Amino acid sequence: MAKKITEIEEGLKDWEFLKHLPKEISGFKLQEGRGIEGNILNLASFVNEEIHCSLDLIYTAETFDYTLVKNIGLHTFRDERFFNRDADKFAEAVLKNLPNVIEKVSRSMNKKLGYESKVMGFDTWNYWKTLPEKIGEYELFVTPDKPLEYINGSWVILDYSNFSKGNQIMFLYNSFRNELFAELKKGFMPLTTDLYNANKLEQLEKLIKQHLQETLNELEN
């Protein structure tokens, strides 16, 4: 029978694994666990505030598993490779792979869009280079030269984020459907929009010029 999350939290003080975690890896500093947040027990985190990225070590009472959560800007991904109900096996896997995982969270390993993106014309699309680094409180976080692999064949190609408020617009390319679209966050909660649906980069460019500032203003209100 699985332990209660409160029992697992109580046992953290005696878990040697947490005591052997490095204090810093590649600019990511170790922070003590934040405790129980709903169904999640935060065991510890590695945080790089400068690049808005972190790695959480958690236990989730939803599935009774230990795992890693990669936070890249306002994007959050649970790493399926580390799901494990055995605390010792989870600890062993983490200690073995931690530097590599941190490297991926920091995005120092620059993944490229797949072959399909050439049909869309990303190789010659330079409009994004004219976009400002900041618009009000929003920072340009993701760009097509350093895209972020998302879900279901989609890649984040552009991302303006207000990190303090959890507001965001991200533009995505789906390699399966060869389509462009956008998704939003307001107060860290996801929202949908069809305002930026496009089949060509030139079409998306026009929509960004027409609507981006208005969308950002609406997210702030």
C-alpha atoms as a PDB file:
ATOM      1  CA  MET A   1       0.000   0.000   0.000  1.00  0.00           C
ATOM      2  CA  ALA A   2       1.354   3.398  -1.033  1.00  0.00           C
ATOM      3  CA  LYS A   3       2.419   5.770   1.698  1.00  0.00           C
ATOM      4  CA  LYS A   4       0.512   8.972   2.293  1.00  0.00           C
ATOM      5  CA  ILE A   5       2.180  12.060   0.892  1.00  0.00           C
ATOM      6  CA  THR A   6       2.512  13.435   4.423  1.00  0.00           C
ATOM      7  CA  GLU A   7       4.400  10.287   5.470  1.00  0.00           C
ATOM      8  CA  ILE A   8       6.790  10.683   2.558  1.00  0.00           C
ATOM      9  CA  GLU A   9       7.364  14.334   3.478  1.00  0.00           C
ATOM     10  CA  GLU A  10       8.160  13.330   7.049  1.00  0.00           C
ATOM     11  CA  GLY A  11      10.786  10.856   5.836  1.00  0.00           C
ATOM     12  CA  LEU A  12      12.673  13.372   3.687  1.00  0.00           C
ATOM     13  CA  LYS A  13      14.860  14.473   6.602  1.00  0.00           C
ATOM     14  CA  ASP A  14      16.452  11.016   6.689  1.00  0.00           C
ATOM     15  CA  TRP A  15      16.812  10.508   2.916  1.00  0.00           C
ATOM     16  CA  GLU A  16      20.535  10.377   2.129  1.00  0.00           C
ATOM     17  CA  PHE A  17      19.833  11.051  -1.553  1.00  0.00           C
ATOM     18  CA  LEU A  18      18.784  14.632  -0.832  1.00  0.00           C
ATOM     19  CA  LYS A  19      21.884  15.189   1.275  1.00  0.00           C
ATOM     20  CA  HIS A  20      24.142  14.121  -1.611  1.00  0.00           C
ATOM     21  CA  LEU A  21      22.672  16.375  -4.284  1.00  0.00           C
ATOM     22  CA  PRO A  22      25.254  18.857  -5.626  1.00  0.00           C
ATOM     23  CA  LYS A  23      24.858  22.460  -4.492  1.00  0.00           C
ATOM     24  CA  GLU A  24      25.168  23.771  -8.044  1.00  0.00           C
ATOM     25  CA  ILE A  25      25.268  22.382 -11.577  1.00  0.00           C
ATOM     26  CA  SER A  26      26.085  24.589 -14.571  1.00  0.00           C
ATOM     27  CA  GLY A  27      24.641  27.715 -12.944  1.00  0.00           C
ATOM     28  CA  PHE A  28      21.592  25.930 -11.496  1.00  0.00           C
ATOM     29  CA  LYS A  29      21.583  26.285  -7.711  1.00  0.00           C
ATOM     30  CA  LEU A  30      20.079  23.705  -5.382  1.00  0.00           C
ATOM     31  CA  GLN A  31      17.082  24.880  -3.349  1.00  0.00           C
ATOM     32  CA  GLU A  32      15.406  22.950  -0.542  1.00  0.00           C
ATOM     33  CA  GLY A  33      12.019  21.418  -1.179  1.00  0.00           C
ATOM     34  CA  ARG A  34       8.954  23.645  -0.965  1.00  0.00           C
ATOM     35  CA  GLY A  35       6.829  20.991   0.728  1.00  0.00           C
ATOM     36  CA  ILE A  36       3.350  19.838  -0.241  1.00  0.00           C
ATOM     37  CA  GLU A  37       1.432  21.804  -2.863  1.00  0.00           C
ATOM     38  CA  GLY A  38      -1.872  20.062  -3.492  1.00  0.00           C
ATOM     39  CA  ASN A  39      -1.053  16.531  -4.689  1.00  0.00           C
ATOM     40  CA  ILE A  40       2.603  17.388  -5.279  1.00  0.00           C
ATOM     41  CA  LEU A  41       5.484  17.108  -2.808  1.00  0.00           C
ATOM     42  CA  ASN A  42       8.427  19.202  -3.957  1.00  0.00           C
ATOM     43  CA  LEU A  43      11.580  17.366  -2.843  1.00  0.00           C
ATOM     44  CA  ALA A  44      14.157  19.877  -4.106  1.00  0.00           C
ATOM     45  CA  SER A  45      14.807  22.165  -7.072  1.00  0.00           C
ATOM     46  CA  PHE A  46      17.720  23.319  -9.195  1.00  0.00           C
ATOM     47  CA  VAL A  47      17.092  26.924 -10.233  1.00  0.00           C
ATOM     48  CA  ASN A  48      18.707  29.349 -12.650  1.00  0.00           C
ATOM     49  CA  GLU A  49      16.768  32.575 -12.193  1.00  0.00           C
ATOM     50  CA  GLU A  50      18.788  34.456 -14.800  1.00  0.00           C
ATOM     51  CA  ILE A  51      17.528  32.292 -17.680  1.00  0.00           C
ATOM     52  CA  HIS A  52      14.079  31.582 -16.145  1.00  0.00           C
ATOM     53  CA  CYS A  53      14.660  27.823 -16.000  1.00  0.00           C
ATOM     54  CA  SER A  54      14.503  25.240 -13.224  1.00  0.00           C
ATOM     55  CA  LEU A  55      14.282  21.526 -12.531  1.00  0.00           C
ATOM     56  CA  ASP A  56      11.955  20.207  -9.821  1.00  0.00           C
ATOM     57  CA  LEU A  57      12.307  16.848  -8.119  1.00  0.00           C
ATOM     58  CA  ILE A  58       8.833  15.822  -7.015  1.00  0.00           C
ATOM     59  CA  TYR A  59       6.609  13.090  -5.650  1.00  0.00           C
ATOM     60  CA  THR A  60       3.071  13.095  -6.995  1.00  0.00           C
ATOM     61  CA  ALA A  61       0.171  11.550  -5.098  1.00  0.00           C
ATOM     62  CA  GLU A  62      -1.781  11.531  -8.370  1.00  0.00           C
ATOM     63  CA  THR A  63       0.088   8.438  -9.579  1.00  0.00           C
ATOM     64  CA  PHE A  64       2.263   7.632  -6.500  1.00  0.00           C
ATOM     65  CA  ASP A  65       5.420   8.316  -8.527  1.00  0.00           C
ATOM     66  CA  TYR A  66       8.650  10.224  -8.110  1.00  0.00           C
ATOM     67  CA  THR A  67       9.742  12.162 -11.198  1.00  0.00           C
ATOM     68  CA  LEU A  68      11.447  15.270 -12.587  1.00  0.00           C
ATOM     69  CA  VAL A  69       9.680  18.398 -13.835  1.00  0.00           C
ATOM     70  CA  LYS A  70      11.480  20.628 -16.336  1.00  0.00           C
ATOM     71  CA  ASN A  71      10.468  24.302 -16.198  1.00  0.00           C
ATOM     72  CA  ILE A  72      11.656  26.272 -19.224  1.00  0.00           C
ATOM     73  CA  GLY A  73      10.291  29.773 -18.950  1.00  0.00           C
ATOM     74  CA  LEU A  74       6.545  29.309 -18.461  1.00  0.00           C
ATOM     75  CA  HIS A  75       6.651  25.891 -20.142  1.00  0.00           C
ATOM     76  CA  THR A  76       6.454  22.856 -17.829  1.00  0.00           C
ATOM     77  CA  PHE A  77       7.198  19.249 -18.790  1.00  0.00           C
ATOM     78  CA  ARG A  78       7.226  16.114 -16.654  1.00  0.00           C
ATOM     79  CA  ASP A  79      10.079  13.870 -17.746  1.00  0.00           C
ATOM     80  CA  GLU A  80       8.478  10.474 -18.401  1.00  0.00           C
ATOM     81  CA  ARG A  81      11.845   8.703 -18.262  1.00  0.00           C
ATOM     82  CA  PHE A  82      12.087   9.239 -14.518  1.00  0.00           C
ATOM     83  CA  PHE A  83       8.642   8.143 -13.357  1.00  0.00           C
ATOM     84  CA  ASN A  84       9.268   5.580 -10.623  1.00  0.00           C
ATOM     85  CA  ARG A  85       7.415   4.423  -7.527  1.00  0.00           C
ATOM     86  CA  ASP A  86      10.637   3.125  -5.989  1.00  0.00           C
ATOM     87  CA  ALA A  87      12.409   6.000  -4.209  1.00  0.00           C
ATOM     88  CA  ASP A  88      15.839   4.359  -4.339  1.00  0.00           C
ATOM     89  CA  LYS A  89      15.640   3.589  -8.069  1.00  0.00           C
ATOM     90  CA  PHE A  90      14.471   7.163  -8.726  1.00  0.00           C
ATOM     91  CA  ALA A  91      17.395   8.521  -6.701  1.00  0.00           C
ATOM     92  CA  GLU A  92      19.873   6.337  -8.587  1.00  0.00           C
ATOM     93  CA  ALA A  93      18.555   7.471 -11.979  1.00  0.00           C
ATOM     94  CA  VAL A  94      18.614  11.131 -10.978  1.00  0.00           C
ATOM     95  CA  LEU A  95      22.181  11.083  -9.674  1.00  0.00           C
ATOM     96  CA  LYS A  96      23.328   9.310 -12.839  1.00  0.00           C
ATOM     97  CA  ASN A  97      21.590  11.651 -15.291  1.00  0.00           C
ATOM     98  CA  LEU A  98      21.321  14.986 -13.489  1.00  0.00           C
ATOM     99  CA  PRO A  99      24.026  16.899 -15.437  1.00  0.00           C
ATOM    100  CA  ASN A 100      22.526  15.835 -18.777  1.00  0.00           C
ATOM    101  CA  VAL A 101      18.996  16.788 -17.718  1.00  0.00           C
ATOM    102  CA  ILE A 102      20.172  20.186 -16.481  1.00  0.00           C
ATOM    103  CA  GLU A 103      21.912  20.733 -19.816  1.00  0.00           C
ATOM    104  CA  LYS A 104      18.649  20.102 -21.650  1.00  0.00           C
ATOM    105  CA  VAL A 105      16.671  22.389 -19.337  1.00  0.00           C
ATOM    106  CA  SER A 106      19.186  25.176 -19.936  1.00  0.00           C
ATOM    107  CA  ARG A 107      18.677  24.675 -23.705  1.00  0.00           C
ATOM    108  CA  SER A 108      22.419  24.725 -24.272  1.00  0.00           C
ATOM    109  CA  MET A 109      21.875  21.727 -26.544  1.00  0.00           C
ATOM    110  CA  ASN A 110      20.351  23.589 -29.468  1.00  0.00           C
ATOM    111  CA  LYS A 111      17.671  21.358 -31.055  1.00  0.00           C
ATOM    112  CA  LYS A 112      16.605  22.247 -34.574  1.00  0.00           C
ATOM    113  CA  LEU A 113      13.244  22.060 -36.289  1.00  0.00           C
ATOM    114  CA  GLY A 114      12.827  18.873 -38.301  1.00  0.00           C
ATOM    115  CA  TYR A 115      13.135  18.422 -42.054  1.00  0.00           C
ATOM    116  CA  GLU A 116       9.447  19.248 -42.515  1.00  0.00           C
ATOM    117  CA  SER A 117      10.095  22.852 -41.479  1.00  0.00           C
ATOM    118  CA  LYS A 118      11.993  23.483 -44.728  1.00  0.00           C
ATOM    119  CA  VAL A 119       8.710  23.184 -46.615  1.00  0.00           C
ATOM    120  CA  MET A 120       7.329  26.000 -44.461  1.00  0.00           C
ATOM    121  CA  GLY A 121      10.373  28.142 -45.258  1.00  0.00           C
ATOM    122  CA  PHE A 122      11.928  28.646 -41.824  1.00  0.00           C
ATOM    123  CA  ASP A 123      15.422  28.663 -43.343  1.00  0.00           C
ATOM    124  CA  THR A 124      14.761  31.989 -45.060  1.00  0.00           C
ATOM    125  CA  TRP A 125      12.258  33.550 -42.615  1.00  0.00           C
ATOM    126  CA  ASN A 126      13.979  36.571 -41.107  1.00  0.00           C
ATOM    127  CA  TYR A 127      11.027  38.596 -39.822  1.00  0.00           C
ATOM    128  CA  TRP A 128      11.466  37.268 -36.289  1.00  0.00           C
ATOM    129  CA  LYS A 129      14.894  38.935 -36.150  1.00  0.00           C
ATOM    130  CA  THR A 130      13.176  42.337 -36.291  1.00  0.00           C
ATOM    131  CA  LEU A 131      11.039  41.654 -33.211  1.00  0.00           C
ATOM    132  CA  PRO A 132      11.992  43.601 -30.061  1.00  0.00           C
ATOM    133  CA  GLU A 133      13.656  41.795 -27.164  1.00  0.00           C
ATOM    134  CA  LYS A 134      11.090  43.345 -24.817  1.00  0.00           C
ATOM    135  CA  ILE A 135       7.565  44.689 -25.215  1.00  0.00           C
ATOM    136  CA  GLY A 136       6.576  46.295 -21.933  1.00  0.00           C
ATOM    137  CA  GLU A 137       6.989  43.579 -19.304  1.00  0.00           C
ATOM    138  CA  TYR A 138       7.174  40.830 -21.927  1.00  0.00           C
ATOM    139  CA  GLU A 139      10.476  39.216 -22.861  1.00  0.00           C
ATOM    140  CA  LEU A 140      11.157  37.443 -26.146  1.00  0.00           C
ATOM    141  CA  PHE A 141      12.086  34.031 -24.727  1.00  0.00           C
ATOM    142  CA  VAL A 142      11.965  31.536 -27.613  1.00  0.00           C
ATOM    143  CA  THR A 143      13.020  32.176 -31.222  1.00  0.00           C
ATOM    144  CA  PRO A 144      13.069  29.895 -34.309  1.00  0.00           C
ATOM    145  CA  ASP A 145      16.851  29.459 -34.208  1.00  0.00           C
ATOM    146  CA  LYS A 146      16.467  27.842 -30.785  1.00  0.00           C
ATOM    147  CA  PRO A 147      12.965  26.351 -30.786  1.00  0.00           C
ATOM    148  CA  LEU A 148      11.394  24.438 -27.933  1.00  0.00           C
ATOM    149  CA  GLU A 149      10.044  20.951 -28.634  1.00  0.00           C
ATOM    150  CA  TYR A 150       6.475  20.870 -27.327  1.00  0.00           C
ATOM    151  CA  ILE A 151       3.827  18.132 -27.647  1.00  0.00           C
ATOM    152  CA  ASN A 152       2.028  16.231 -30.434  1.00  0.00           C
ATOM    153  CA  GLY A 153       4.504  17.211 -33.128  1.00  0.00           C
ATOM    154  CA  SER A 154       4.487  20.904 -32.227  1.00  0.00           C
ATOM    155  CA  TRP A 155       7.419  23.250 -31.633  1.00  0.00           C
ATOM    156  CA  VAL A 156       7.341  26.635 -29.922  1.00  0.00           C
ATOM    157  CA  ILE A 157       8.992  29.004 -32.406  1.00  0.00           C
ATOM    158  CA  LEU A 158       8.269  32.358 -30.727  1.00  0.00           C
ATOM    159  CA  ASP A 159       7.362  33.185 -27.153  1.00  0.00           C
ATOM    160  CA  TYR A 160       6.734  36.495 -25.407  1.00  0.00           C
ATOM    161  CA  SER A 161       6.439  35.966 -21.640  1.00  0.00           C
ATOM    162  CA  ASN A 162       5.705  38.149 -18.627  1.00  0.00           C
ATOM    163  CA  PHE A 163       7.391  35.898 -16.095  1.00  0.00           C
ATOM    164  CA  SER A 164       6.226  37.744 -12.980  1.00  0.00           C
ATOM    165  CA  LYS A 165       2.523  37.584 -13.908  1.00  0.00           C
ATOM    166  CA  GLY A 166       2.515  34.270 -15.746  1.00  0.00           C
ATOM    167  CA  ASN A 167       1.173  35.843 -18.950  1.00  0.00           C
ATOM    168  CA  GLN A 168       2.356  34.578 -22.309  1.00  0.00           C
ATOM    169  CA  ILE A 169       1.749  34.288 -26.017  1.00  0.00           C
ATOM    170  CA  MET A 170       3.554  31.507 -27.827  1.00  0.00           C
ATOM    171  CA  PHE A 171       3.565  30.794 -31.524  1.00  0.00           C
ATOM    172  CA  LEU A 172       3.830  27.175 -32.601  1.00  0.00           C
ATOM    173  CA  TYR A 173       4.599  25.146 -35.683  1.00  0.00           C
ATOM    174  CA  ASN A 174       3.066  21.667 -36.000  1.00  0.00           C
ATOM    175  CA  SER A 175       5.305  19.465 -38.125  1.00  0.00           C
ATOM    176  CA  PHE A 176       2.620  16.795 -38.616  1.00  0.00           C
ATOM    177  CA  ARG A 177       0.019  19.178 -40.039  1.00  0.00           C
ATOM    178  CA  ASN A 178       2.481  21.793 -41.355  1.00  0.00           C
ATOM    179  CA  GLU A 179       0.420  24.496 -39.629  1.00  0.00           C
ATOM    180  CA  LEU A 180       1.118  27.596 -37.548  1.00  0.00           C
ATOM    181  CA  PHE A 181      -0.932  28.738 -34.566  1.00  0.00           C
ATOM    182  CA  ALA A 182      -0.732  30.397 -31.147  1.00  0.00           C
ATOM    183  CA  GLU A 183      -1.596  29.602 -27.534  1.00  0.00           C
ATOM    184  CA  LEU A 184      -1.854  31.918 -24.529  1.00  0.00           C
ATOM    185  CA  LYS A 185      -1.387  31.909 -20.770  1.00  0.00           C
ATOM    186  CA  LYS A 186      -2.951  34.371 -18.347  1.00  0.00           C
ATOM    187  CA  GLY A 187      -1.934  34.097 -14.718  1.00  0.00           C
ATOM    188  CA  PHE A 188      -0.207  30.773 -15.579  1.00  0.00           C
ATOM    189  CA  MET A 189      -3.531  29.354 -16.852  1.00  0.00           C
ATOM    190  CA  PRO A 190      -3.646  28.175 -20.506  1.00  0.00           C
ATOM    191  CA  LEU A 191      -5.992  29.816 -22.995  1.00  0.00           C
ATOM    192  CA  THR A 192      -6.715  29.125 -26.662  1.00  0.00           C
ATOM    193  CA  THR A 193      -6.970  31.483 -29.609  1.00  0.00           C
ATOM    194  CA  ASP A 194      -7.533  31.043 -33.328  1.00  0.00           C
ATOM    195  CA  LEU A 195      -6.453  34.584 -34.156  1.00  0.00           C
ATOM    196  CA  TYR A 196      -3.035  33.479 -35.417  1.00  0.00           C
ATOM    197  CA  ASN A 197      -3.946  30.323 -37.339  1.00  0.00           C
ATOM    198  CA  ALA A 198      -1.919  30.281 -40.559  1.00  0.00           C
ATOM    199  CA  ASN A 199      -0.596  28.005 -43.273  1.00  0.00           C
ATOM    200  CA  LYS A 200       2.332  30.197 -44.319  1.00  0.00           C
ATOM    201  CA  LEU A 201       4.954  32.175 -42.422  1.00  0.00           C
ATOM    202  CA  GLU A 202       4.101  35.294 -44.417  1.00  0.00           C
ATOM    203  CA  GLN A 203       0.505  35.002 -43.225  1.00  0.00           C
ATOM    204  CA  LEU A 204       1.609  34.560 -39.604  1.00  0.00           C
ATOM    205  CA  GLU A 205       3.896  37.582 -39.965  1.00  0.00           C
ATOM    206  CA  LYS A 206       0.970  39.770 -41.017  1.00  0.00           C
ATOM    207  CA  LEU A 207      -1.170  38.515 -38.130  1.00  0.00           C
ATOM    208  CA  ILE A 208       1.610  39.251 -35.626  1.00  0.00           C
ATOM    209  CA  LYS A 209       1.981  42.774 -36.983  1.00  0.00           C
ATOM    210  CA  GLN A 210      -1.770  43.337 -36.776  1.00  0.00           C
ATOM    211  CA  HIS A 211      -2.627  41.758 -33.432  1.00  0.00           C
ATOM    212  CA  LEU A 212       0.388  41.151 -31.176  1.00  0.00           C
ATOM    213  CA  GLN A 213       0.269  44.396 -29.205  1.00  0.00           C
ATOM    214  CA  GLU A 214      -3.494  44.105 -28.768  1.00  0.00           C
ATOM    215  CA  THR A 215      -3.172  40.524 -27.512  1.00  0.00           C
ATOM    216  CA  LEU A 216      -0.492  41.478 -24.983  1.00  0.00           C
ATOM    217  CA  ASN A 217      -2.620  44.376 -23.740  1.00  0.00           C
ATOM    218  CA  GLU A 218      -5.615  42.064 -23.285  1.00  0.00           C
ATOM    219  CA  LEU A 219      -3.544  39.610 -21.265  1.00  0.00           C
ATOM    220  CA  GLU A 220      -2.495  42.398 -18.913  1.00  0.00           C
ATOM    221  CA  ASN A 221      -6.098  43.544 -18.236  1.00  0.00           C
END
